[in-house]
Protein backbone atom coordinates (compact mmCIF):
# COMPACT_ATOMS: atom_id res chain seq x y z
CA MET A 1 177.69 116.99 121.81
CA THR A 2 174.03 118.84 122.67
CA ALA A 3 172.15 119.18 125.14
CA SER A 4 168.92 117.25 124.46
CA GLN A 5 171.78 114.43 123.71
CA PRO A 6 173.76 112.84 127.04
CA ALA A 7 177.50 111.40 127.03
CA GLY A 8 177.24 107.68 125.37
CA GLY A 9 174.42 108.39 123.10
CA PRO A 10 170.32 107.22 122.99
CA GLY A 11 170.64 104.09 123.76
CA ARG A 12 169.66 100.79 123.01
CA LEU A 13 165.74 98.99 123.23
CA VAL A 14 165.24 95.34 122.64
CA LEU A 15 161.53 94.36 121.58
CA LEU A 16 161.92 90.63 122.85
CA THR A 17 159.56 88.15 121.90
CA THR A 18 159.34 84.50 122.55
CA THR A 19 156.38 81.58 121.61
CA HIS A 20 154.35 79.59 123.81
CA ARG A 21 155.21 76.78 120.88
CA VAL A 22 158.76 76.57 122.48
CA ALA A 23 159.41 75.81 126.35
CA PRO A 24 160.49 78.72 128.48
CA GLY A 25 164.09 78.81 129.43
CA LEU A 26 164.71 77.40 125.73
CA LEU A 27 165.92 80.95 123.78
CA SER A 28 168.21 82.03 121.20
CA TRP A 29 172.28 82.88 122.11
CA PRO A 30 171.58 86.31 120.63
CA ALA A 31 168.60 86.37 123.36
CA TRP A 32 170.81 85.02 126.36
CA GLN A 33 173.30 87.84 125.40
CA ALA A 34 170.88 91.00 125.30
CA LEU A 35 169.34 90.05 128.26
CA ARG A 36 173.15 89.86 130.22
CA GLY A 37 174.46 92.55 128.84
CA ALA A 38 171.24 94.81 129.56
CA ASP A 39 171.31 97.37 131.74
CA LEU A 40 167.06 96.72 132.31
CA VAL A 41 165.33 94.41 131.62
CA LEU A 42 161.41 94.71 132.42
CA CYS A 43 158.46 92.60 131.63
CA GLY A 44 154.29 93.42 132.42
CA ASP A 45 153.34 90.32 133.29
CA ALA A 46 154.30 88.97 136.47
CA ARG A 47 152.85 85.98 134.69
CA HIS A 48 154.85 85.41 132.05
CA PRO A 49 156.44 81.93 132.00
CA GLN A 50 160.11 82.76 131.19
CA LEU A 51 160.71 84.47 134.46
CA PRO A 52 160.84 81.92 136.62
CA TYR A 53 164.13 81.12 134.07
CA LEU A 54 164.96 84.17 133.34
CA ARG A 55 165.59 84.34 137.53
CA GLU A 56 167.18 81.19 137.64
CA ALA A 57 169.66 82.41 135.08
CA GLY A 58 170.47 84.97 137.48
CA VAL A 59 168.91 87.81 134.88
CA GLU A 60 167.35 90.70 137.13
CA VAL A 61 163.62 91.72 135.75
CA SER A 62 161.14 94.30 136.79
CA VAL A 63 157.74 93.58 136.88
CA GLY A 64 155.36 96.46 135.67
CA GLU A 65 154.13 97.88 132.58
CA ARG A 66 156.33 101.19 131.77
CA GLU A 67 155.28 103.81 129.49
CA ALA A 68 157.51 104.41 126.56
CA ARG A 69 158.75 108.15 127.57
CA ALA A 70 160.24 106.60 130.84
CA LEU A 71 161.74 103.65 128.78
CA VAL A 72 163.66 106.28 126.39
CA ASP A 73 164.66 108.03 129.37
CA ALA A 74 166.46 104.84 131.10
CA CYS A 75 168.07 104.05 127.91
CA ALA A 76 169.67 107.41 127.59
CA GLY A 77 173.31 107.42 127.84
CA GLY A 78 174.01 104.71 125.88
CA ARG A 79 172.19 102.46 128.21
CA THR A 80 169.95 98.74 126.90
CA ALA A 81 166.49 97.72 128.28
CA VAL A 82 165.02 94.80 126.98
CA VAL A 83 161.39 94.30 127.13
CA VAL A 84 160.18 90.50 127.36
CA ALA A 85 157.31 90.92 125.13
CA GLY A 86 153.60 89.39 126.21
CA ALA A 87 151.94 87.16 124.34
CA GLU A 88 149.85 89.30 122.16
CA GLY A 89 153.85 90.87 121.68
CA GLU A 90 153.21 94.77 123.24
CA PRO A 91 151.10 96.44 120.71
CA ARG A 92 150.21 99.63 123.43
CA LEU A 93 154.05 100.30 123.71
CA THR A 94 154.89 99.67 120.46
CA ASP A 95 152.17 102.43 119.66
CA GLN A 96 153.52 105.45 121.76
CA LEU A 97 156.82 104.42 121.00
CA ALA A 98 156.13 105.12 117.22
CA ARG A 99 154.23 107.91 117.59
CA LEU A 100 156.98 108.94 120.25
CA ALA A 101 159.44 108.52 116.81
CA GLY A 102 157.18 110.42 114.41
CA SER A 103 157.00 113.40 116.42
CA GLY A 104 160.44 114.09 115.51
CA ARG A 105 161.68 115.90 118.82
CA GLU A 106 162.47 113.01 120.93
CA GLN A 107 165.84 111.18 120.93
CA MET A 108 165.33 108.16 120.20
CA PRO A 109 167.33 105.03 121.58
CA ASP A 110 167.80 101.93 118.58
CA LEU A 111 165.30 100.19 118.68
CA GLU A 112 165.61 96.72 117.90
CA LEU A 113 162.57 93.29 117.65
CA LEU A 114 164.79 90.30 118.99
CA PRO A 115 162.81 87.05 119.01
CA GLY A 116 163.92 84.63 120.70
CA SER A 117 162.45 81.61 120.47
CA TYR A 118 160.69 80.86 117.23
CA ASP A 119 158.41 78.69 116.13
CA LEU A 120 159.25 75.33 114.84
CA PRO A 121 157.72 73.29 111.31
CA GLY A 122 154.73 72.03 112.42
CA ALA A 123 154.29 74.46 116.41
CA ARG A 124 150.86 75.34 115.11
CA LEU A 125 149.54 71.91 115.34
CA LEU A 126 150.19 72.70 119.36
CA ASP A 127 147.25 75.30 118.84
CA LEU A 128 145.24 72.77 116.92
CA VAL A 129 146.10 70.06 119.77
CA GLN A 130 145.35 72.64 122.58
CA VAL A 131 142.31 74.12 121.24
CA MET A 132 140.79 70.82 120.56
CA ASP A 133 141.47 69.85 124.36
CA ARG A 134 139.87 73.13 125.43
CA ILE A 135 136.66 72.41 122.97
CA ARG A 136 136.29 68.47 124.35
CA LEU A 137 136.19 70.10 127.88
CA ALA A 138 133.82 73.00 127.27
CA CYS A 139 131.17 72.57 124.46
CA PRO A 140 128.36 70.29 125.40
CA TRP A 141 127.64 68.96 121.77
CA SER A 142 131.61 68.05 121.77
CA ARG A 143 131.40 66.39 124.94
CA GLU A 144 129.72 63.64 123.75
CA ARG A 145 130.34 62.55 120.98
CA THR A 146 132.22 59.00 120.04
CA SER A 147 134.32 58.29 116.73
CA ALA A 148 131.27 56.27 115.66
CA ASP A 149 129.09 59.22 115.63
CA LEU A 150 131.59 61.80 113.45
CA VAL A 151 132.11 58.92 110.93
CA LYS A 152 129.85 60.42 108.48
CA TYR A 153 131.95 63.99 108.92
CA GLY A 154 134.92 61.98 108.05
CA LEU A 155 134.03 60.53 104.97
CA GLU A 156 132.12 64.00 103.69
CA GLU A 157 135.38 66.35 104.70
CA ALA A 158 137.37 63.36 103.03
CA TYR A 159 135.17 63.32 99.91
CA GLU A 160 135.06 67.18 99.73
CA LEU A 161 139.58 67.03 99.37
CA VAL A 162 138.96 65.19 97.19
CA GLU A 163 136.80 67.65 95.16
CA ALA A 164 139.58 70.79 95.75
CA ILE A 165 142.55 68.60 94.31
CA GLU A 166 140.20 67.47 90.98
CA GLU A 167 139.01 70.53 91.23
CA GLY A 168 142.86 72.63 91.03
CA ASP A 169 141.32 74.59 93.34
CA ARG A 170 144.18 75.86 95.93
CA GLN A 171 142.22 77.44 98.50
CA ALA A 172 140.02 74.87 99.08
CA LEU A 173 142.76 72.19 98.82
CA ARG A 174 144.13 74.19 102.05
CA GLU A 175 140.58 74.47 103.93
CA GLU A 176 139.72 71.23 103.45
CA LEU A 177 143.26 69.72 105.09
CA GLY A 178 142.26 71.65 108.00
CA ASP A 179 138.89 70.27 107.93
CA VAL A 180 140.10 66.33 107.41
CA LEU A 181 143.16 67.48 110.15
CA LEU A 182 140.83 68.30 112.06
CA GLN A 183 138.86 64.81 112.25
CA VAL A 184 142.31 63.43 113.29
CA VAL A 185 142.90 65.12 116.29
CA PHE A 186 139.22 64.99 117.40
CA HIS A 187 138.95 61.32 117.39
CA SER A 188 142.02 61.51 119.25
CA ARG A 189 140.93 63.92 121.87
CA ILE A 190 137.94 61.61 121.82
CA ALA A 191 140.22 58.16 122.58
CA GLU A 192 141.78 59.88 125.34
CA ASP A 193 138.63 59.78 127.51
CA ASP A 194 138.49 55.55 126.60
CA ALA A 195 138.25 53.71 129.63
CA GLU A 196 139.72 50.66 128.72
CA GLU A 197 142.33 52.14 125.95
CA PRO A 198 143.14 55.23 126.09
CA PHE A 199 145.31 56.74 123.45
CA SER A 200 146.70 60.51 122.30
CA VAL A 201 147.66 62.07 119.16
CA ASP A 202 151.15 62.11 120.09
CA ASP A 203 150.28 58.29 119.83
CA VAL A 204 149.11 58.16 116.72
CA ALA A 205 151.45 60.50 115.47
CA ALA A 206 154.81 58.21 116.48
CA GLY A 207 152.60 54.77 115.05
CA ILE A 208 152.60 56.76 111.99
CA VAL A 209 156.71 58.14 112.53
CA ALA A 210 157.66 54.54 113.05
CA LYS A 211 156.07 52.82 109.97
CA LEU A 212 157.15 56.03 107.36
CA ILE A 213 160.65 54.98 108.81
CA HIS A 214 160.29 51.11 108.71
CA ARG A 215 158.71 51.27 105.31
CA HIS A 216 161.48 53.69 103.50
CA PRO A 217 164.94 51.71 104.57
CA HIS A 218 166.12 53.76 101.23
CA VAL A 219 165.71 56.82 103.46
CA PHE A 220 166.36 55.43 106.97
CA GLY A 221 168.10 52.47 105.90
CA ASP A 222 170.45 50.84 103.99
CA GLU A 223 168.91 49.80 101.21
CA ALA A 224 168.88 52.06 97.97
CA ALA A 225 166.14 52.40 95.54
CA GLU A 226 166.48 54.67 92.24
CA THR A 227 162.65 54.84 90.40
CA ALA A 228 159.18 55.23 92.27
CA GLU A 229 158.66 51.45 91.02
CA ASP A 230 161.56 50.53 93.66
CA VAL A 231 159.69 52.01 96.21
CA LYS A 232 156.56 50.43 95.26
CA ALA A 233 158.91 47.58 95.85
CA HIS A 234 159.73 48.05 99.03
CA TRP A 235 156.37 48.65 100.39
CA LEU A 236 155.07 45.70 99.44
CA ARG A 237 157.38 44.11 101.05
CA THR A 238 158.29 45.88 104.45
CA LYS A 239 153.69 45.61 104.46
CA ALA A 240 154.16 41.91 104.09
CA GLU A 241 156.42 42.00 106.83
CA GLU A 242 153.84 44.11 109.33
CA LYS A 243 150.74 42.61 108.14
CA GLN A 244 151.82 38.64 107.66
CA ARG A 245 148.75 38.23 105.71
CA ASP A 246 147.26 34.68 104.81
CA SER A 247 145.41 36.90 101.75
CA VAL A 248 146.50 39.26 99.45
CA THR A 249 142.83 41.22 99.78
CA GLU A 250 143.04 41.19 103.17
CA GLY A 251 142.83 44.68 104.53
CA VAL A 252 140.97 45.77 101.89
CA PRO A 253 138.16 47.78 103.13
CA LEU A 254 134.93 46.40 101.51
CA GLY A 255 132.78 49.61 102.51
CA GLN A 256 135.24 51.88 100.12
CA PRO A 257 133.56 52.21 96.69
CA ALA A 258 132.17 49.88 94.32
CA LEU A 259 134.47 51.34 91.86
CA ALA A 260 137.69 51.99 94.27
CA LEU A 261 137.19 48.42 95.45
CA ALA A 262 137.28 46.61 92.48
CA ALA A 263 140.38 48.43 91.42
CA LYS A 264 141.89 47.70 94.83
CA LEU A 265 141.30 44.15 94.42
CA ALA A 266 142.44 44.04 90.65
CA GLY A 267 145.95 45.87 92.16
CA ARG A 268 146.46 43.83 94.67
CA ALA A 269 145.88 40.29 92.66
CA ARG A 270 147.95 42.13 89.47
CA THR A 271 151.02 42.80 92.07
CA ALA A 272 151.18 39.63 93.38
CA GLY A 273 150.95 37.87 89.87
CA LEU A 274 147.77 36.27 89.90
CA ASP A 275 146.23 35.28 87.11
CA VAL A 276 142.24 35.37 88.12
CA PRO A 277 139.90 35.30 85.79
CA LEU A 278 136.74 37.48 86.52
CA PRO A 279 133.58 35.48 87.98
CA ALA A 280 131.19 35.44 85.03
CA GLY A 281 127.45 36.71 85.78
CA GLU A 282 125.14 38.89 83.84
CA GLY A 283 123.66 42.49 84.40
CA VAL A 284 125.35 45.75 85.06
CA GLY A 285 127.66 44.94 88.47
CA TYR A 286 129.49 42.41 86.19
CA ALA A 287 129.64 44.09 83.60
CA LEU A 288 131.04 47.05 86.04
CA LEU A 289 133.76 45.29 87.29
CA ASP A 290 135.27 44.81 83.60
CA LEU A 291 135.48 48.27 83.09
CA ALA A 292 137.27 48.40 86.72
CA VAL A 293 139.48 45.59 86.09
CA ARG A 294 140.81 47.31 82.54
CA ALA A 295 141.01 50.46 84.12
CA GLU A 296 143.36 49.50 86.77
CA ALA A 297 145.63 47.44 84.52
CA GLU A 298 145.83 50.47 82.30
CA GLY A 299 146.83 52.51 85.24
CA VAL A 300 143.49 54.97 85.46
CA ASP A 301 141.38 55.02 88.49
CA PRO A 302 137.98 54.55 87.55
CA GLU A 303 136.93 56.19 90.47
CA THR A 304 138.53 59.36 89.55
CA ALA A 305 137.63 58.92 85.70
CA LEU A 306 133.97 58.71 86.57
CA ARG A 307 133.96 61.90 89.05
CA ALA A 308 135.82 63.20 85.43
CA ALA A 309 133.22 61.81 83.51
CA ALA A 310 129.81 63.13 86.15
CA ARG A 311 131.16 66.66 85.98
CA GLY A 312 130.97 66.73 82.55
CA TYR A 313 127.50 65.43 82.71
CA ARG A 314 126.25 67.92 85.05
CA ASP A 315 128.15 70.83 83.24
CA ALA A 316 125.55 69.52 80.16
CA ILE A 317 122.48 69.30 82.03
CA ARG A 318 123.02 72.93 83.70
CA LEU A 319 123.58 73.89 80.20
CA ALA A 320 119.78 72.10 79.09
CA GLU A 321 118.40 73.93 82.11
CA HIS A 322 119.39 77.15 80.54
CA THR A 323 118.48 76.74 77.24
């Protein structure tokens, strides 16, 4: 043993990270073991949300920033120090430690990064809700918006999402999904301010969760579904029970693009086993109706087919412009 290496070795320095997306105090078992077994627990932020819970659990925490040199010394002799990291980590401290270790002149403790809590799938949605709430309160434009004001943006984002999917552009798909998600969160935040019938994004999520569970008895219940057609039959049956509609045409939005509307009506009639002759009439509208119904019967989405043809037409126009 050298004079520069005290009895017990260089010790252990643990950087404990936590996520603000999980309730404070809900730490992993390795985190609690490290905290309870440490000779010294430090935190540079006196307002750190974990502090009340650590103290309640009997963990003594020393508050205040420490230099890397002091922490290395505190670990000497085989002791363990745990640093409860702030929301941004501890970039200044880790940089200092890296410089000390890189000098080659220091007996460094064993350095360990220990996640005390983890983000669950979907955790970043909490960030979106918080950001939207702040924007709604602080941004003059956003504060004045109503759901009616946002209708055109919702349509634009939906069409841009469709374009990204049909173009096979993965980067654009990710971005456009975010823009559509923003519309959902924005409308939900606006709804919270309604004086008569307020609801939140949690209410929206709860509603769709309940609907999905109810309409998938083959997943969450005792029914069986071996094929996609079985699933569709379950969906239509449970949907009909929920809505108790008098007509298969109820619930078909008339404001959607005309080809999609015609195909949707044809699909409802076919699924219900109704043999409905097309209305007689002259002109382009009735010819398009006939094409849309034929496309639906053949399993072709007329909107998708026409967009694909239109893209080919667009390319032909561009070619003609440069020849």
